[in-house]
């Protein structure tokens, strides 16, 4: 067999796959039945699955105190590995080192893995939030996640036993890194750009995607299929929208769609860097970073994530940033443009964002055709027309009424 021409995984020559299958999995599940149980949140469950499938290569488990502190302060583990966000597991009590526990999903009550404890430790949650999110504001959804963690963090290597419902619910979309890499190799792609999506693709996303295809061999539209904050459009609706868009407006030989099982942290620049790490593990050489990447509200500047990539030290990350300026529809240009290409005035431009789209749809307003393709708008209008309960969608820090199923 020839040597792979794809980019190496982060910090490793090979993917670190911790997910058991077949007889080994059956034996481990039998063992887990007799172990004490530790219940994980949705976020922790997603992290465990990413550890299992190699998405968090080269990590082999949940971080101990020194790695947690180093990642918070300097985005480095004790071994000097670049890592921007702590991957931790919390519990309501200390567990002795050497103990094995069964890891259970709080949503499905399914045994997802086994952890061999190396240490239990307490953390300063405000310290973590200040570094990870740049704020301790209780309104920030990521801060809420961290502050809701239990008193102790439990560290140790994991054995992963399940991917939960993701392959079943998102059949044909959910992928492991080994699977996306196999497709890239089969298609002969050496340079691959990743497009991070938690919203349906409006025209700005489409524009970014097509710029990437012009400069790379292929595009990996990589969708988050974990949990989102209230008011965001659910993954299954987004998947329908993107399928319709790719079917009608892209050369499918140049695009691969995939899904990954994390919850959004809304950590802005730091999450943008994490996106680059695990996209490298999925085989991507470039990470598209546009306006307000992984942001929420007004906590981050529009290009803070790009600045974070520019400030990385040499050798931190092989996956390179593909930076894109603020994009919009220009009525005088007669199409999509950016601050770098359009000479016209503000009043000639329709600024596009997922938040603005959700706001307009939730209020039943008229959405300009230039905002998104008609097939996408039709799916979204149908979704919002069938909502029953009210939640909040915020635009520039101000809440607006929206409905939620």
Protein backbone atom coordinates (compact mmCIF):
# COMPACT_ATOMS: atom_id res chain seq x y z
CA UNK A 1 0.00 0.00 0.00
CA UNK A 2 1.20 3.51 -0.80
CA UNK A 3 1.77 6.14 1.85
CA UNK A 4 -1.19 8.42 2.50
CA UNK A 5 -0.87 11.90 1.01
CA UNK A 6 -3.31 13.35 3.52
CA UNK A 7 -2.31 15.63 6.37
CA UNK A 8 -1.26 13.80 9.56
CA UNK A 9 -3.56 13.85 12.59
CA UNK A 10 -2.85 16.47 15.25
CA UNK A 11 0.22 15.60 17.33
CA UNK A 12 0.37 12.05 15.99
CA UNK A 13 1.25 10.00 12.93
CA UNK A 14 -1.95 7.99 13.27
CA UNK A 15 -5.45 8.47 14.65
CA UNK A 16 -5.88 7.52 18.32
CA UNK A 17 -9.04 5.41 18.12
CA UNK A 18 -10.41 4.39 21.52
CA UNK A 19 -13.75 2.96 20.35
CA UNK A 20 -14.11 -0.80 20.82
CA UNK A 21 -16.13 -2.97 18.45
CA UNK A 22 -17.10 -6.62 18.11
CA UNK A 23 -16.06 -9.12 20.78
CA UNK A 24 -13.83 -6.64 22.62
CA UNK A 25 -16.80 -4.29 23.00
CA UNK A 26 -19.10 -7.09 24.19
CA UNK A 27 -16.60 -8.12 26.88
CA UNK A 28 -16.10 -4.52 28.01
CA UNK A 29 -19.87 -3.96 28.24
CA UNK A 30 -20.16 -7.05 30.42
CA UNK A 31 -17.39 -5.70 32.64
CA UNK A 32 -19.08 -2.27 32.81
CA UNK A 33 -22.25 -3.81 34.26
CA UNK A 34 -20.39 -4.44 37.53
CA UNK A 35 -18.70 -1.04 37.76
CA UNK A 36 -19.92 2.06 39.64
CA UNK A 37 -21.61 4.51 37.28
CA UNK A 38 -20.66 8.10 36.50
CA UNK A 39 -23.36 10.03 34.66
CA UNK A 40 -22.14 12.41 31.93
CA UNK A 41 -23.75 15.54 30.54
CA UNK A 42 -24.50 15.88 26.84
CA UNK A 43 -21.32 17.93 26.33
CA UNK A 44 -19.17 15.33 28.11
CA UNK A 45 -20.80 12.52 26.13
CA UNK A 46 -19.96 14.27 22.86
CA UNK A 47 -16.37 14.73 24.01
CA UNK A 48 -16.17 11.03 24.89
CA UNK A 49 -17.39 10.01 21.44
CA UNK A 50 -14.84 12.30 19.80
CA UNK A 51 -12.15 10.65 21.91
CA UNK A 52 -13.46 7.26 20.80
CA UNK A 53 -13.49 7.89 17.05
CA UNK A 54 -10.14 9.69 16.97
CA UNK A 55 -11.58 13.18 16.56
CA UNK A 56 -9.60 14.38 19.57
CA UNK A 57 -6.32 12.69 18.59
CA UNK A 58 -3.86 12.48 20.32
CA UNK A 59 -5.84 12.69 23.59
CA UNK A 60 -6.52 9.36 25.30
CA UNK A 61 -8.93 10.51 27.99
CA UNK A 62 -10.19 13.34 30.19
CA UNK A 63 -7.61 15.87 31.35
CA UNK A 64 -5.98 15.99 34.77
CA UNK A 65 -5.42 19.17 36.79
CA UNK A 66 -2.10 20.21 35.29
CA UNK A 67 -3.29 19.72 31.72
CA UNK A 68 -6.52 21.56 32.55
CA UNK A 69 -4.58 24.52 33.95
CA UNK A 70 -2.04 24.59 31.10
CA UNK A 71 -4.76 24.48 28.46
CA UNK A 72 -6.67 27.29 30.17
CA UNK A 73 -3.64 29.54 30.65
CA UNK A 74 -1.46 28.89 27.61
CA UNK A 75 -3.36 26.46 25.33
CA UNK A 76 -0.72 23.79 26.01
CA UNK A 77 -0.80 20.47 27.85
CA UNK A 78 2.03 19.50 30.19
CA UNK A 79 3.70 17.76 27.23
CA UNK A 80 3.57 20.94 25.15
CA UNK A 81 0.71 19.82 22.89
CA UNK A 82 -1.37 22.68 21.50
CA UNK A 83 -4.93 22.37 22.80
CA UNK A 84 -7.22 25.40 23.28
CA UNK A 85 -10.17 24.08 25.31
CA UNK A 86 -10.13 21.78 28.38
CA UNK A 87 -11.63 18.34 27.83
CA UNK A 88 -12.86 17.43 31.29
CA UNK A 89 -15.39 15.27 33.10
CA UNK A 90 -17.10 16.35 36.32
CA UNK A 91 -18.56 14.38 39.21
CA UNK A 92 -20.16 15.20 42.56
CA UNK A 93 -17.50 13.44 44.63
CA UNK A 94 -13.85 12.44 44.65
CA UNK A 95 -13.00 9.05 43.14
CA UNK A 96 -9.83 7.25 44.21
CA UNK A 97 -7.06 6.80 41.65
CA UNK A 98 -7.07 3.33 40.11
CA UNK A 99 -10.86 2.99 40.29
CA UNK A 100 -12.70 2.05 37.12
CA UNK A 101 -16.13 3.55 36.45
CA UNK A 102 -18.76 3.05 33.76
CA UNK A 103 -19.58 6.27 31.90
CA UNK A 104 -23.32 6.71 31.32
CA UNK A 105 -25.19 9.23 29.15
CA UNK A 106 -27.62 11.41 31.10
CA UNK A 107 -29.91 11.53 28.04
CA UNK A 108 -30.15 7.85 27.12
CA UNK A 109 -28.89 6.09 30.27
CA UNK A 110 -26.65 4.06 27.95
CA UNK A 111 -23.20 2.90 29.03
CA UNK A 112 -20.88 4.84 26.72
CA UNK A 113 -17.45 3.91 28.04
CA UNK A 114 -15.13 2.98 30.89
CA UNK A 115 -12.78 5.40 32.66
CA UNK A 116 -9.75 4.35 34.72
CA UNK A 117 -9.30 7.18 37.18
CA UNK A 118 -5.85 8.75 37.59
CA UNK A 119 -6.90 11.71 39.73
CA UNK A 120 -9.83 13.74 41.06
CA UNK A 121 -9.45 17.49 41.51
CA UNK A 122 -11.40 20.68 42.09
CA UNK A 123 -11.12 23.68 39.77
CA UNK A 124 -11.73 27.41 39.78
CA UNK A 125 -14.63 27.56 37.33
CA UNK A 126 -14.43 31.34 36.94
CA UNK A 127 -10.73 30.98 36.04
CA UNK A 128 -11.63 28.48 33.30
CA UNK A 129 -14.43 30.68 31.94
CA UNK A 130 -12.28 33.79 31.84
CA UNK A 131 -9.66 32.00 29.72
CA UNK A 132 -11.95 29.86 27.56
CA UNK A 133 -14.76 32.38 26.93
CA UNK A 134 -13.03 35.68 27.89
CA UNK A 135 -15.96 36.32 30.25
CA UNK A 136 -17.65 35.07 33.40
CA UNK A 137 -21.02 36.57 32.42
CA UNK A 138 -23.74 34.16 33.52
CA UNK A 139 -25.72 34.95 30.34
CA UNK A 140 -23.04 33.35 28.15
CA UNK A 141 -24.21 29.79 27.27
CA UNK A 142 -20.69 28.36 27.55
CA UNK A 143 -20.18 29.93 30.96
CA UNK A 144 -23.48 28.40 32.03
CA UNK A 145 -22.19 24.94 31.01
CA UNK A 146 -18.97 25.27 32.99
CA UNK A 147 -20.62 26.77 36.08
CA UNK A 148 -23.16 23.93 36.06
CA UNK A 149 -20.39 21.32 36.27
CA UNK A 150 -20.18 19.28 39.47
CA UNK A 151 -17.64 19.92 42.22
CA UNK A 152 -14.91 17.49 41.18
CA UNK A 153 -13.21 16.80 37.86
CA UNK A 154 -12.25 13.18 37.24
CA UNK A 155 -9.31 12.40 34.95
CA UNK A 156 -8.06 9.28 33.25
CA UNK A 157 -7.79 7.19 30.11
CA UNK A 158 -11.04 5.99 28.53
CA UNK A 159 -12.30 3.02 26.59
CA UNK A 160 -15.27 4.02 24.44
CA UNK A 161 -18.13 1.57 23.87
CA UNK A 162 -20.78 3.48 21.95
CA UNK A 163 -21.43 6.36 19.57
CA UNK A 164 -24.96 6.63 20.93
CA UNK A 165 -27.73 7.55 18.51
CA UNK A 166 -25.67 9.65 16.09
CA UNK A 167 -25.04 7.05 13.34
CA UNK A 168 -28.72 6.05 13.46
CA UNK A 169 -30.29 9.51 13.63
CA UNK A 170 -27.90 11.04 11.10
CA UNK A 171 -27.31 8.04 8.85
CA UNK A 172 -25.18 8.99 5.86
CA UNK A 173 -24.02 12.22 7.51
CA UNK A 174 -22.33 11.25 10.78
CA UNK A 175 -18.73 10.24 10.07
CA UNK A 176 -15.65 9.09 11.88
CA UNK A 177 -12.29 10.67 10.92
CA UNK A 178 -11.15 7.41 9.31
CA UNK A 179 -14.23 7.51 7.06
CA UNK A 180 -13.78 11.09 5.85
CA UNK A 181 -10.07 10.42 5.26
CA UNK A 182 -10.93 7.36 3.18
CA UNK A 183 -13.22 9.43 0.94
CA UNK A 184 -10.60 12.18 0.54
CA UNK A 185 -8.02 9.60 -0.51
CA UNK A 186 -10.39 7.89 -2.92
CA UNK A 187 -11.14 11.24 -4.56
CA UNK A 188 -7.47 12.17 -4.73
CA UNK A 189 -7.92 15.28 -2.60
CA UNK A 190 -4.72 16.55 -1.01
CA UNK A 191 -5.99 19.96 0.08
CA UNK A 192 -9.37 19.99 1.80
CA UNK A 193 -11.14 22.99 3.36
CA UNK A 194 -13.54 22.46 6.26
CA UNK A 195 -16.68 24.57 6.60
CA UNK A 196 -18.00 24.59 10.17
CA UNK A 197 -21.80 24.81 10.33
CA UNK A 198 -24.30 25.11 13.15
CA UNK A 199 -26.78 27.10 11.01
CA UNK A 200 -28.43 26.38 7.65
CA UNK A 201 -26.31 27.68 4.78
CA UNK A 202 -27.30 31.18 3.75
CA UNK A 203 -25.68 32.94 0.81
CA UNK A 204 -22.60 34.00 2.78
CA UNK A 205 -21.88 30.37 3.73
CA UNK A 206 -22.37 29.36 0.11
CA UNK A 207 -19.99 32.11 -1.02
CA UNK A 208 -17.32 31.06 1.51
CA UNK A 209 -17.71 27.44 0.45
CA UNK A 210 -17.25 28.20 -3.23
CA UNK A 211 -14.19 30.37 -2.59
CA UNK A 212 -12.69 27.39 -0.74
CA UNK A 213 -13.44 25.02 -3.61
CA UNK A 214 -11.65 27.40 -5.99
CA UNK A 215 -8.42 27.17 -3.99
CA UNK A 216 -8.58 23.59 -2.60
CA UNK A 217 -9.21 20.18 -4.13
CA UNK A 218 -12.40 19.71 -2.16
CA UNK A 219 -14.73 21.03 0.54
CA UNK A 220 -15.81 19.23 3.70
CA UNK A 221 -19.13 20.66 4.91
CA UNK A 222 -18.87 19.51 8.51
CA UNK A 223 -22.01 19.99 10.55
CA UNK A 224 -22.42 19.93 14.30
CA UNK A 225 -25.11 17.37 15.22
CA UNK A 226 -24.89 17.75 19.00
CA UNK A 227 -26.92 20.12 21.17
CA UNK A 228 -27.35 23.85 20.59
CA UNK A 229 -28.68 26.70 22.70
CA UNK A 230 -32.43 27.49 22.63
CA UNK A 231 -33.41 29.43 19.53
CA UNK A 232 -30.84 27.81 17.23
CA UNK A 233 -32.25 25.74 14.39
CA UNK A 234 -32.11 21.98 15.14
CA UNK A 235 -29.60 19.80 13.33
CA UNK A 236 -32.17 17.71 11.45
CA UNK A 237 -33.74 20.85 9.91
CA UNK A 238 -30.32 22.25 9.03
CA UNK A 239 -29.34 18.97 7.37
CA UNK A 240 -32.40 19.15 5.10
CA UNK A 241 -31.52 22.72 4.12
CA UNK A 242 -27.90 21.94 3.31
CA UNK A 243 -28.82 18.80 1.38
CA UNK A 244 -31.16 20.89 -0.79
CA UNK A 245 -28.48 23.52 -1.36
CA UNK A 246 -25.71 21.06 -2.26
CA UNK A 247 -28.06 19.14 -4.54
CA UNK A 248 -28.99 22.20 -6.53
CA UNK A 249 -25.98 24.53 -6.45
CA UNK A 250 -22.73 22.58 -5.96
CA UNK A 251 -20.59 20.18 -7.99
CA UNK A 252 -21.07 17.15 -5.74
CA UNK A 253 -17.72 15.70 -6.85
CA UNK A 254 -16.04 18.58 -5.04
CA UNK A 255 -18.07 18.40 -1.82
CA UNK A 256 -18.36 15.91 1.03
CA UNK A 257 -20.87 16.40 3.83
CA UNK A 258 -20.26 15.07 7.31
CA UNK A 259 -21.52 15.43 10.87
CA UNK A 260 -19.75 15.35 14.24
CA UNK A 261 -21.24 14.76 17.71
CA UNK A 262 -20.16 17.76 19.80
CA UNK A 263 -22.34 20.29 21.59
CA UNK A 264 -21.56 23.93 20.81
CA UNK A 265 -19.54 25.67 23.51
CA UNK A 266 -19.88 29.17 21.94
CA UNK A 267 -16.26 29.86 22.88
CA UNK A 268 -15.50 32.06 19.89
CA UNK A 269 -11.74 32.18 19.13
CA UNK A 270 -10.82 29.20 21.31
CA UNK A 271 -13.55 27.06 19.79
CA UNK A 272 -12.41 28.16 16.33
CA UNK A 273 -8.96 26.79 17.15
CA UNK A 274 -10.45 23.53 18.43
CA UNK A 275 -12.34 23.30 15.13
CA UNK A 276 -9.02 23.41 13.31
CA UNK A 277 -7.55 20.63 15.47
CA UNK A 278 -10.29 18.11 14.94
CA UNK A 279 -10.75 19.03 11.26
CA UNK A 280 -7.07 18.15 10.83
CA UNK A 281 -7.89 14.79 12.43
CA UNK A 282 -10.72 14.38 9.92
CA UNK A 283 -8.17 14.98 7.12
CA UNK A 284 -8.62 18.69 6.34
CA UNK A 285 -5.70 20.94 5.48
CA UNK A 286 -7.61 24.22 5.82
CA UNK A 287 -10.24 25.62 8.18
CA UNK A 288 -12.54 28.34 6.85
CA UNK A 289 -12.75 31.15 9.41
CA UNK A 290 -15.17 33.92 8.55
CA UNK A 291 -17.01 36.51 10.60
CA UNK A 292 -17.88 35.74 14.24
CA UNK A 293 -16.75 32.13 14.08
CA UNK A 294 -18.30 30.09 16.96
CA UNK A 295 -19.47 33.35 18.53
CA UNK A 296 -22.54 34.29 20.48
CA UNK A 297 -24.03 37.69 21.28
CA UNK A 298 -21.46 40.49 21.49
CA UNK A 299 -18.84 38.61 23.49
CA UNK A 300 -16.31 38.50 20.64
CA UNK A 301 -15.23 40.82 17.87
CA UNK A 302 -16.18 39.76 14.34
CA UNK A 303 -12.66 38.58 13.50
CA UNK A 304 -11.30 37.52 16.90
CA UNK A 305 -11.11 33.90 15.72
CA UNK A 306 -8.94 34.92 12.77
CA UNK A 307 -6.69 36.88 15.14
CA UNK A 308 -6.35 33.76 17.31
CA UNK A 309 -5.04 31.78 14.33
CA UNK A 310 -2.61 34.57 13.41
CA UNK A 311 -1.20 34.51 16.97
CA UNK A 312 -0.44 30.77 17.05
CA UNK A 313 3.18 29.82 17.51
CA UNK A 314 5.08 27.89 14.82
CA UNK A 315 4.23 24.20 14.88
CA UNK A 316 1.08 24.57 16.98
CA UNK A 317 -1.29 23.41 14.25
CA UNK A 318 -0.76 22.02 10.75
CA UNK A 319 -4.30 22.77 9.57
CA UNK A 320 -4.14 26.29 8.15
CA UNK A 321 -6.75 29.01 8.38
CA UNK A 322 -8.57 30.10 5.23
CA UNK A 323 -9.65 33.61 6.34
CA UNK A 324 -12.63 35.25 4.63
CA UNK A 325 -13.61 38.90 5.10
CA UNK A 326 -17.12 40.14 5.92
CA UNK A 327 -19.41 39.02 3.10
CA UNK A 328 -22.79 40.31 1.93
CA UNK A 329 -25.12 40.65 -1.03
CA UNK A 330 -24.46 43.86 -2.95
CA UNK A 331 -27.36 45.11 -5.04
CA UNK A 332 -25.09 47.27 -7.18
CA UNK A 333 -22.57 44.46 -7.76
CA UNK A 334 -25.52 42.17 -8.46
CA UNK A 335 -24.20 39.33 -6.33
CA UNK A 336 -22.19 38.25 -3.30
CA UNK A 337 -19.16 40.36 -2.41
CA UNK A 338 -16.85 41.17 0.49
CA UNK A 339 -15.26 44.21 2.05
CA UNK A 340 -12.19 43.43 -0.08
CA UNK A 341 -14.03 43.36 -3.39
CA UNK A 342 -17.01 45.73 -3.17
CA UNK A 343 -16.62 49.53 -3.58
CA UNK A 344 -20.24 50.38 -2.80
CA UNK A 345 -21.95 51.93 0.21
CA UNK A 346 -23.59 50.36 3.24
CA UNK A 347 -27.10 51.07 1.93
CA UNK A 348 -26.34 49.00 -1.20
CA UNK A 349 -25.56 45.90 0.88
CA UNK A 350 -27.68 43.20 2.50
CA UNK A 351 -25.73 41.92 5.49
CA UNK A 352 -26.26 38.21 6.06
CA UNK A 353 -26.07 36.20 9.29
CA UNK A 354 -27.65 33.11 10.75
CA UNK A 355 -28.96 35.12 13.71
CA UNK A 356 -30.60 37.70 11.47
CA UNK A 357 -32.17 34.93 9.39
CA UNK A 358 -33.56 33.19 12.49
CA UNK A 359 -34.86 36.49 13.80
CA UNK A 360 -36.69 37.31 10.56
CA UNK A 361 -38.18 33.85 10.22
CA UNK A 362 -39.24 33.64 13.87
CA UNK A 363 -41.09 36.94 13.56
CA UNK A 364 -42.79 35.90 10.35
CA UNK A 365 -41.11 38.67 8.41
CA UNK A 366 -40.45 38.77 4.68
CA UNK A 367 -37.03 37.29 3.95
CA UNK A 368 -35.27 38.77 0.89
CA UNK A 369 -34.53 36.19 -1.80
CA UNK A 370 -30.91 37.28 -1.68
CA UNK A 371 -30.61 35.96 1.88
CA UNK A 372 -30.71 32.32 0.90
CA UNK A 373 -31.74 30.00 -1.91
CA UNK A 374 -35.53 29.50 -2.31
CA UNK A 375 -35.31 25.77 -1.53
CA UNK A 376 -33.64 26.56 1.79
CA UNK A 377 -36.06 29.32 2.72
CA UNK A 378 -39.01 27.04 1.98
CA UNK A 379 -37.73 24.41 4.44
CA UNK A 380 -37.06 27.04 7.12
CA UNK A 381 -40.42 28.76 6.70
CA UNK A 382 -42.16 25.41 7.09
CA UNK A 383 -40.16 24.70 10.26
CA UNK A 384 -41.01 28.05 11.86
CA UNK A 385 -44.65 27.82 10.81
CA UNK A 386 -45.00 24.63 12.87
CA UNK A 387 -43.36 25.81 16.09
CA UNK A 388 -45.48 26.01 19.20
CA UNK A 389 -43.48 27.27 22.20
CA UNK A 390 -41.77 30.64 22.53
CA UNK A 391 -38.02 31.04 23.13
CA UNK A 392 -35.65 33.94 22.60
CA UNK A 393 -33.50 34.70 19.59
CA UNK A 394 -30.99 37.47 20.30
CA UNK A 395 -29.67 39.91 17.72
CA UNK A 396 -26.80 42.15 18.87
CA UNK A 397 -27.63 41.44 22.49
CA UNK A 398 -31.37 42.19 22.26
CA UNK A 399 -33.92 39.40 22.62
CA UNK A 400 -36.68 38.84 20.16
CA UNK A 401 -39.56 36.39 20.37
CA UNK A 402 -39.18 33.07 18.59
CA UNK A 403 -40.84 29.73 18.85
CA UNK A 404 -39.41 26.34 19.64
CA UNK A 405 -40.79 22.87 19.15
